[in-house]
Amino acid sequence: MSGKCPQCGKPTVEAYKPFCSKRCADVDLARWFREDYRIPTAEPPVPDDDEE
């Protein structure tokens, strides 16, 4: 049984599981690097040193 790629919805490929291709895997990795994925928290954000 094959799943669907979380990026585009195409069937997964064993070599790139859970993705369908290297491109979709790289898109996901880029989103992690840009911190697009975040876990919600009740803590206030920590100010950057540049904002002072």
Protein backbone atom coordinates (compact mmCIF):
# COMPACT_ATOMS: atom_id res chain seq x y z
CA MET A 1 0.00 0.00 0.00
CA SER A 2 1.40 3.36 -1.04
CA GLY A 3 0.67 6.69 0.60
CA LYS A 4 0.36 10.15 -0.86
CA CYS A 5 3.09 12.77 -0.98
CA PRO A 6 2.39 15.44 1.67
CA GLN A 7 3.58 18.17 -0.74
CA CYS A 8 1.71 17.40 -3.98
CA GLY A 9 -0.56 14.41 -3.30
CA LYS A 10 1.05 12.07 -5.87
CA PRO A 11 1.81 8.46 -4.86
CA THR A 12 4.98 8.08 -2.80
CA VAL A 13 8.19 6.56 -4.18
CA GLU A 14 10.15 4.20 -1.93
CA ALA A 15 13.45 6.06 -2.46
CA TYR A 16 11.95 9.38 -1.27
CA LYS A 17 9.28 8.16 1.14
CA PRO A 18 7.09 9.86 2.37
CA PHE A 19 7.53 12.04 -0.74
CA CYS A 20 7.11 11.29 -4.43
CA SER A 21 10.37 12.87 -5.62
CA LYS A 22 13.58 14.58 -4.57
CA ARG A 23 11.98 17.91 -5.52
CA CYS A 24 9.10 17.49 -3.04
CA ALA A 25 11.56 16.35 -0.35
CA ASP A 26 13.70 19.44 -1.00
CA VAL A 27 10.66 21.73 -0.86
CA ASP A 28 9.83 20.30 2.57
CA LEU A 29 13.43 20.71 3.75
CA ALA A 30 13.44 24.34 2.61
CA ARG A 31 10.29 24.96 4.61
CA TRP A 32 12.03 23.59 7.72
CA PHE A 33 15.07 25.83 7.08
CA ARG A 34 12.82 28.91 6.75
CA GLU A 35 11.07 27.85 9.99
CA ASP A 36 7.69 27.68 8.22
CA TYR A 37 6.79 24.74 10.45
CA ARG A 38 6.23 25.79 14.04
CA ILE A 39 4.72 24.22 17.12
CA PRO A 40 2.22 26.60 18.78
CA THR A 41 3.22 27.71 22.27
CA ALA A 42 1.95 30.07 24.94
CA GLU A 43 5.43 31.53 25.51
CA PRO A 44 6.11 35.08 24.25
CA PRO A 45 8.56 35.33 21.33
CA VAL A 46 12.20 35.96 22.15
CA PRO A 47 13.34 39.28 20.61
CA ASP A 48 16.23 39.18 18.14
CA ASP A 49 19.40 41.08 19.04
CA ASP A 50 18.91 43.18 15.87
CA GLU A 51 15.54 44.56 17.04
CA GLU A 52 16.96 46.49 20.00
